[in-house]
Amino acid sequence: MIIGIDCSSKEGGLATDEKTFYPLAWVEDIAAKIDELGIDSKDIEKILITYGPGSFTSLRVGLVTAQGLALPRNIPILAYSTFLAMVEDAPEGNLIPLIPARSNVVYAGHYKKAEGSLEEIFRDKIFRIEDLIFYVETNLKNANPIILGSGGEKNRESLEKRGFSVFAKSSNPMACNLFSLYRNSCQCITNPVAPLYISSSAAIRKRNEVEIEIREMTEEDIKYILEIEQDVFPAPWPYEVFYTHYLSDYCITVVAELSGNVVGYLVGCQEDSKFHLRNIAVSRVHWRKGFGTKLLSFILEELKENPGIHSCYLEHRISNEGAFELYKSSGFTFEGIRKDYYKKGEDAVIMGIKC
């Protein structure tokens, strides 16, 4: 059998076909509902899921739930854009699906549906509601746009004041629409590692307000770097490796400093027209404060100023999902797998970005 999971909002939902839907109070209830229905994971052939945009927490919980069902039995997960699921059963016309992001901000897409075909104008953009209204007024004033979704409902008053109507809630739940997307072979991602996050959560945005200073590494810094290195990595670099990179004219070595203390560092070297980001770490007590993102942003800006470097790449352990999300959020994309790269035979994920 095939199941469909909508985890784009906190309520979520489970479908077992295009017409059978089980609404949920919370996305966290998906696993319990599957047990209640007597569905055995060995009978599941595929899992269809909305993977974003949507609620930051719900997307993460929904995907983890799907992975918990899929991974032990190698069940494929097919992840579809939330926007595609929203417009699947919408009428023909210029469709503007909206999902609430935060106060006066929405995730938006624009599709044109006619005679059974669907043209994507754009998707996965984030707008202040006044900017979205300006876009619609400028481009679709006389086209009778169809605005739909919870983002439209939340901003109904602002939209209707400007003469735009909000389409009534779809009669078919998104979890059911996933079956139609699957049947029509619509674009999807197979076995996603992380959901689609267009913007950071409120907690991350608040943490990112903490200011750090990023400066060139000194020889004196290496002893503090080693403390972080030995704490966070199972196979830490020794002093000599850091010192060699520090001395090299082909390498960039920087530290992140907070209140006079070294809290992170980054090391990388030029290899012809590529930059190999070889090591990046943040002190464990400062994880999830945005310091890693700021180090990455710093080095990418530096590389843009070097006409001899056209791209940047790195490796990280295949088991390190947190690293994958960090690099993905900074624009890095998956480039391949390096087998047995680490000690004990663990594979490395290769990620890269154009500079």
Protein backbone atom coordinates (compact mmCIF):
# COMPACT_ATOMS: atom_id res chain seq x y z
CA MET A 1 0.00 0.00 0.00
CA ILE A 2 0.92 3.68 -0.30
CA ILE A 3 0.36 6.30 2.40
CA GLY A 4 0.34 10.09 2.13
CA ILE A 5 1.50 12.40 4.91
CA ASP A 6 0.89 16.14 5.04
CA CYS A 7 3.22 17.76 7.58
CA SER A 8 3.16 21.35 6.31
CA SER A 9 1.27 22.59 9.39
CA LYS A 10 0.98 21.57 13.01
CA GLU A 11 -2.31 19.70 12.42
CA GLY A 12 -1.09 17.47 9.61
CA GLY A 13 -2.94 14.57 8.15
CA LEU A 14 -2.68 10.99 6.91
CA ALA A 15 -4.23 9.58 3.75
CA THR A 16 -4.40 5.99 2.51
CA ASP A 17 -5.73 6.89 -0.95
CA GLU A 18 -7.10 9.87 -2.89
CA LYS A 19 -10.35 9.91 -0.91
CA THR A 20 -9.53 8.46 2.51
CA PHE A 21 -8.14 11.07 4.90
CA TYR A 22 -7.50 11.09 8.64
CA PRO A 23 -7.07 14.60 10.10
CA LEU A 24 -4.71 14.91 13.06
CA ALA A 25 -4.55 17.37 15.93
CA TRP A 26 -0.74 17.30 15.74
CA VAL A 27 1.81 16.04 13.24
CA GLU A 28 3.35 14.05 16.11
CA ASP A 29 0.22 11.84 16.05
CA ILE A 30 1.01 10.33 12.63
CA ALA A 31 2.75 7.23 14.01
CA ALA A 32 -0.04 6.61 16.55
CA LYS A 33 -2.71 6.91 13.83
CA ILE A 34 -0.86 4.38 11.65
CA ASP A 35 -0.80 1.95 14.60
CA GLU A 36 -4.47 2.63 15.32
CA LEU A 37 -5.38 1.79 11.72
CA GLY A 38 -3.48 -1.48 11.98
CA ILE A 39 -1.08 -0.59 9.18
CA ASP A 40 2.07 -2.72 9.30
CA SER A 41 5.19 -1.06 7.90
CA LYS A 42 5.99 -4.25 5.94
CA ASP A 43 2.85 -3.61 3.88
CA ILE A 44 3.86 -0.04 2.94
CA GLU A 45 5.38 0.19 -0.54
CA LYS A 46 5.88 3.96 -0.72
CA ILE A 47 5.46 7.01 1.52
CA LEU A 48 4.32 10.28 -0.08
CA ILE A 49 4.98 13.43 1.91
CA THR A 50 4.82 17.23 1.72
CA TYR A 51 8.34 18.47 2.42
CA GLY A 52 7.87 22.23 2.42
CA PRO A 53 7.49 25.05 2.64
CA GLY A 54 5.52 25.05 5.87
CA SER A 55 5.85 25.01 9.63
CA PHE A 56 9.54 24.64 10.58
CA THR A 57 8.87 22.14 13.39
CA SER A 58 6.08 20.21 11.66
CA LEU A 59 8.12 19.59 8.52
CA ARG A 60 10.99 18.24 10.58
CA VAL A 61 8.76 16.01 12.74
CA GLY A 62 6.83 14.73 9.72
CA LEU A 63 9.97 13.77 7.81
CA VAL A 64 11.55 12.10 10.84
CA THR A 65 8.35 10.08 11.32
CA ALA A 66 8.40 9.01 7.68
CA GLN A 67 12.08 8.10 7.93
CA GLY A 68 11.37 6.02 11.04
CA LEU A 69 8.91 3.95 9.01
CA ALA A 70 10.97 3.84 5.83
CA LEU A 71 14.60 3.28 6.76
CA PRO A 72 14.32 -0.15 8.48
CA ARG A 73 12.57 -1.61 5.40
CA ASN A 74 14.08 0.54 2.62
CA ILE A 75 10.70 2.04 1.78
CA PRO A 76 11.10 4.94 -0.68
CA ILE A 77 9.93 8.37 0.49
CA LEU A 78 8.65 10.62 -2.32
CA ALA A 79 8.62 14.25 -1.19
CA TYR A 80 6.46 16.80 -3.02
CA SER A 81 6.32 20.59 -2.82
CA THR A 82 3.57 21.73 -0.49
CA PHE A 83 2.55 24.24 -3.17
CA LEU A 84 2.04 21.47 -5.75
CA ALA A 85 -0.23 19.65 -3.30
CA MET A 86 -2.17 22.89 -2.68
CA VAL A 87 -2.88 23.65 -6.35
CA GLU A 88 -3.48 20.07 -7.49
CA ASP A 89 -7.29 20.30 -7.24
CA ALA A 90 -7.60 24.09 -7.63
CA PRO A 91 -9.59 25.54 -10.57
CA GLU A 92 -7.94 26.87 -13.72
CA GLY A 93 -6.40 30.34 -13.67
CA ASN A 94 -3.49 32.20 -12.08
CA LEU A 95 -2.99 30.42 -8.76
CA ILE A 96 -1.23 32.08 -5.81
CA PRO A 97 -0.84 29.53 -2.98
CA LEU A 98 0.17 31.13 0.32
CA ILE A 99 1.46 29.63 3.56
CA PRO A 100 1.99 31.72 6.74
CA ALA A 101 5.66 32.24 7.61
CA ARG A 102 5.49 34.71 10.48
CA SER A 103 3.67 37.98 11.25
CA ASN A 104 2.79 39.71 7.95
CA VAL A 105 5.09 37.36 6.01
CA VAL A 106 4.07 34.49 3.71
CA TYR A 107 5.65 31.76 1.62
CA ALA A 108 4.29 32.08 -1.90
CA GLY A 109 4.12 30.41 -5.27
CA HIS A 110 2.60 31.38 -8.62
CA TYR A 111 1.23 28.81 -11.04
CA LYS A 112 -0.85 29.10 -14.20
CA LYS A 113 -3.34 26.31 -14.76
CA ALA A 114 -5.11 25.87 -18.09
CA GLU A 115 -6.60 22.96 -20.01
CA GLY A 116 -5.11 20.35 -17.74
CA SER A 117 -1.57 21.75 -17.79
CA LEU A 118 0.25 23.51 -14.97
CA GLU A 119 2.93 26.15 -15.59
CA GLU A 120 5.18 27.16 -12.70
CA ILE A 121 5.91 30.90 -12.71
CA PHE A 122 7.77 30.71 -9.39
CA ARG A 123 7.65 28.85 -6.11
CA ASP A 124 9.26 28.83 -2.68
CA LYS A 125 9.54 32.60 -2.35
CA ILE A 126 9.02 34.60 0.81
CA PHE A 127 7.14 37.94 0.80
CA ARG A 128 5.91 40.52 3.23
CA ILE A 129 2.17 40.61 2.59
CA GLU A 130 2.37 44.18 1.23
CA ASP A 131 5.06 43.08 -1.26
CA LEU A 132 2.95 40.12 -2.32
CA ILE A 133 -0.01 42.46 -2.91
CA PHE A 134 2.25 44.73 -4.97
CA TYR A 135 3.35 41.73 -7.08
CA VAL A 136 -0.25 40.69 -7.71
CA GLU A 137 -1.38 44.25 -8.51
CA THR A 138 1.53 44.78 -10.88
CA ASN A 139 1.33 41.47 -12.72
CA LEU A 140 -2.17 40.06 -12.28
CA LYS A 141 -4.53 42.97 -11.64
CA ASN A 142 -6.79 42.08 -14.58
CA ALA A 143 -6.23 38.33 -14.48
CA ASN A 144 -8.52 37.52 -11.52
CA PRO A 145 -5.84 35.71 -9.51
CA ILE A 146 -6.94 32.83 -7.32
CA ILE A 147 -5.35 33.25 -3.89
CA LEU A 148 -5.55 30.13 -1.75
CA GLY A 149 -4.17 28.45 1.32
CA SER A 150 -3.87 29.23 5.02
CA GLY A 151 -1.65 32.21 4.23
CA GLY A 152 -4.52 33.69 2.25
CA GLU A 153 -6.99 33.02 5.06
CA LYS A 154 -4.69 34.63 7.62
CA ASN A 155 -4.33 37.77 5.49
CA ARG A 156 -7.84 37.79 4.07
CA GLU A 157 -8.66 41.28 5.36
CA SER A 158 -5.57 42.89 3.80
CA LEU A 159 -6.13 41.09 0.49
CA GLU A 160 -9.84 41.83 0.25
CA LYS A 161 -9.25 45.51 1.03
CA ARG A 162 -7.22 45.64 -2.18
CA GLY A 163 -9.93 43.92 -4.17
CA PHE A 164 -8.57 40.36 -4.20
CA SER A 165 -10.68 37.40 -3.14
CA VAL A 166 -9.37 34.42 -1.19
CA PHE A 167 -10.38 31.04 -2.60
CA ALA A 168 -12.39 28.82 -0.26
CA LYS A 169 -10.55 25.98 1.41
CA SER A 170 -9.97 23.02 -0.92
CA SER A 171 -12.41 20.16 -0.52
CA ASN A 172 -9.64 17.63 -1.00
CA PRO A 173 -6.96 17.45 1.75
CA MET A 174 -3.34 17.85 0.68
CA ALA A 175 -2.43 14.38 1.92
CA CYS A 176 -4.96 12.99 -0.58
CA ASN A 177 -3.69 15.24 -3.36
CA LEU A 178 -0.28 13.60 -2.97
CA PHE A 179 -1.74 10.47 -4.56
CA SER A 180 -2.78 12.45 -7.62
CA LEU A 181 0.72 13.99 -7.86
CA TYR A 182 2.21 10.50 -7.66
CA ARG A 183 -0.19 9.08 -10.26
CA ASN A 184 0.66 11.93 -12.65
CA SER A 185 4.44 11.45 -12.13
CA CYS A 186 4.88 15.02 -10.89
CA GLN A 187 8.29 16.28 -9.83
CA CYS A 188 9.42 15.01 -6.44
CA ILE A 189 12.52 14.33 -4.36
CA THR A 190 13.25 10.73 -3.41
CA ASN A 191 14.40 10.05 0.15
CA PRO A 192 15.08 13.65 1.20
CA VAL A 193 17.58 14.15 4.02
CA ALA A 194 16.00 17.39 5.24
CA PRO A 195 12.76 19.32 4.59
CA LEU A 196 12.63 22.47 2.49
CA TYR A 197 13.27 25.41 4.83
CA ILE A 198 12.91 28.77 3.07
CA SER A 199 13.66 30.79 6.19
CA SER A 200 15.03 30.00 9.64
CA SER A 201 12.86 29.38 12.67
CA ALA A 202 12.17 32.22 15.10
CA ALA A 203 14.57 30.67 17.61
CA ILE A 204 17.40 30.57 15.07
CA ARG A 205 16.75 34.16 13.96
CA LYS A 206 17.00 35.29 17.59
CA ARG A 207 20.25 33.38 18.11
CA ASN A 208 21.68 34.91 14.97
CA GLU A 209 21.40 38.34 16.58
CA VAL A 210 24.45 37.48 18.74
CA GLU A 211 27.45 39.23 17.21
CA ILE A 212 30.80 37.50 16.78
CA GLU A 213 34.03 38.82 15.33
CA ILE A 214 35.66 36.82 12.56
CA ARG A 215 39.38 37.51 12.15
CA GLU A 216 42.56 35.88 10.88
CA MET A 217 43.95 33.05 12.99
CA THR A 218 47.11 33.62 15.02
CA GLU A 219 49.56 31.00 16.26
CA GLU A 220 48.36 31.73 19.80
CA ASP A 221 44.81 30.76 18.80
CA ILE A 222 45.76 27.19 17.94
CA LYS A 223 45.79 26.00 21.57
CA TYR A 224 42.18 27.18 21.99
CA ILE A 225 41.21 25.69 18.64
CA LEU A 226 42.58 22.32 19.75
CA GLU A 227 40.27 22.34 22.79
CA ILE A 228 37.25 22.72 20.49
CA GLU A 229 38.61 20.27 17.91
CA GLN A 230 39.20 17.53 20.49
CA ASP A 231 35.76 18.03 22.01
CA VAL A 232 33.64 17.97 18.85
CA PHE A 233 35.41 15.56 16.47
CA PRO A 234 35.96 11.80 16.90
CA ALA A 235 39.26 12.04 14.94
CA PRO A 236 40.64 15.51 15.78
CA TRP A 237 43.45 17.20 13.91
CA PRO A 238 46.74 17.50 15.85
CA TYR A 239 48.57 20.77 16.46
CA GLU A 240 50.94 20.21 13.53
CA VAL A 241 48.13 20.08 10.96
CA PHE A 242 46.65 23.39 12.11
CA TYR A 243 50.10 24.98 12.24
CA THR A 244 50.94 23.82 8.70
CA HIS A 245 47.72 25.32 7.34
CA TYR A 246 48.31 28.51 9.31
CA LEU A 247 51.74 28.94 7.65
CA SER A 248 50.62 28.10 4.11
CA ASP A 249 50.14 30.91 1.58
CA TYR A 250 47.46 28.83 -0.16
CA CYS A 251 45.23 28.47 2.90
CA ILE A 252 42.73 30.67 4.69
CA THR A 253 42.56 30.24 8.46
CA VAL A 254 40.12 32.32 10.52
CA VAL A 255 38.57 32.20 13.97
CA ALA A 256 35.26 33.37 15.38
CA GLU A 257 35.67 35.34 18.59
CA LEU A 258 32.99 36.17 21.17
CA SER A 259 33.81 38.46 24.10
CA GLY A 260 37.53 37.82 23.56
CA ASN A 261 37.21 34.03 23.45
CA VAL A 262 37.70 31.77 20.42
CA VAL A 263 34.37 29.99 19.84
CA GLY A 264 34.88 28.67 16.31
CA TYR A 265 37.27 28.40 13.38
CA LEU A 266 37.49 27.63 9.69
CA VAL A 267 40.37 26.24 7.62
CA GLY A 268 40.51 25.82 3.85
CA CYS A 269 42.97 25.81 0.96
CA GLN A 270 43.01 26.71 -2.71
CA GLU A 271 43.36 23.77 -5.11
CA ASP A 272 43.69 25.19 -8.63
CA SER A 273 40.35 26.97 -9.30
CA LYS A 274 38.61 25.29 -6.35
CA PHE A 275 38.63 26.05 -2.64
CA HIS A 276 38.64 23.02 -0.35
CA LEU A 277 36.96 23.84 2.96
CA ARG A 278 38.84 21.36 5.10
CA ASN A 279 37.70 22.08 8.65
CA ILE A 280 35.01 24.14 10.34
CA ALA A 281 33.82 23.87 13.93
CA VAL A 282 32.07 25.78 16.68
CA SER A 283 32.47 25.23 20.41
CA ARG A 284 29.82 22.80 21.64
CA VAL A 285 28.37 25.32 24.14
CA HIS A 286 27.69 27.68 21.22
CA TRP A 287 26.02 25.24 18.85
CA ARG A 288 22.81 26.34 17.12
CA LYS A 289 23.49 30.04 17.56
CA GLY A 290 24.22 30.70 13.90
CA PHE A 291 28.00 30.95 14.33
CA GLY A 292 28.68 28.20 11.79
CA THR A 293 26.49 29.96 9.24
CA LYS A 294 28.36 33.22 9.83
CA LEU A 295 31.72 31.51 9.32
CA LEU A 296 30.46 30.04 6.04
CA SER A 297 29.05 33.39 4.90
CA PHE A 298 32.38 35.05 5.69
CA ILE A 299 34.45 32.60 3.67
CA LEU A 300 32.06 32.62 0.70
CA GLU A 301 32.25 36.42 0.56
CA GLU A 302 36.04 36.22 0.70
CA LEU A 303 36.11 33.71 -2.16
CA LYS A 304 33.95 35.94 -4.35
CA GLU A 305 36.77 38.50 -4.25
CA ASN A 306 39.28 35.96 -5.61
CA PRO A 307 38.96 35.72 -9.43
CA GLY A 308 41.06 32.56 -9.44
CA ILE A 309 38.54 30.56 -7.41
CA HIS A 310 35.33 29.44 -9.10
CA SER A 311 33.89 26.98 -6.60
CA CYS A 312 34.12 25.66 -3.05
CA TYR A 313 33.67 22.08 -1.89
CA LEU A 314 33.81 20.11 1.36
CA GLU A 315 33.25 16.68 2.84
CA HIS A 316 31.31 15.68 5.94
CA ARG A 317 30.39 12.38 7.56
CA ILE A 318 27.33 10.76 5.99
CA SER A 319 25.88 10.30 9.48
CA ASN A 320 26.08 14.03 10.27
CA GLU A 321 22.64 15.32 9.25
CA GLY A 322 23.21 18.57 11.16
CA ALA A 323 26.18 19.37 8.93
CA PHE A 324 24.15 18.60 5.82
CA GLU A 325 21.42 21.05 6.90
CA LEU A 326 23.98 23.75 7.77
CA TYR A 327 25.72 23.57 4.40
CA LYS A 328 22.45 23.25 2.47
CA SER A 329 21.10 26.39 4.17
CA SER A 330 24.22 28.25 2.99
CA GLY A 331 23.69 27.22 -0.64
CA PHE A 332 25.83 24.09 -0.89
CA THR A 333 24.40 21.21 -2.93
CA PHE A 334 25.03 17.47 -2.91
CA GLU A 335 27.77 16.39 -5.35
CA GLY A 336 28.45 12.78 -4.46
CA ILE A 337 29.68 10.18 -1.97
CA ARG A 338 33.32 9.42 -1.15
CA LYS A 339 33.46 5.81 0.02
CA ASP A 340 35.37 4.86 3.20
CA TYR A 341 36.70 8.40 3.56
CA TYR A 342 36.86 8.38 7.35
CA LYS A 343 38.38 5.95 9.80
CA LYS A 344 36.30 2.85 10.50
CA GLY A 345 35.03 3.00 6.92
CA GLU A 346 32.42 5.76 7.19
CA ASP A 347 31.52 7.39 3.88
CA ALA A 348 31.74 11.15 3.24
CA VAL A 349 29.13 13.33 1.58
CA ILE A 350 30.65 15.79 -0.90
CA MET A 351 28.93 19.17 -1.18
CA GLY A 352 29.82 22.17 -3.30
CA ILE A 353 28.86 25.69 -4.29
CA LYS A 354 29.78 28.07 -7.12
CA CYS A 355 31.62 31.20 -6.01
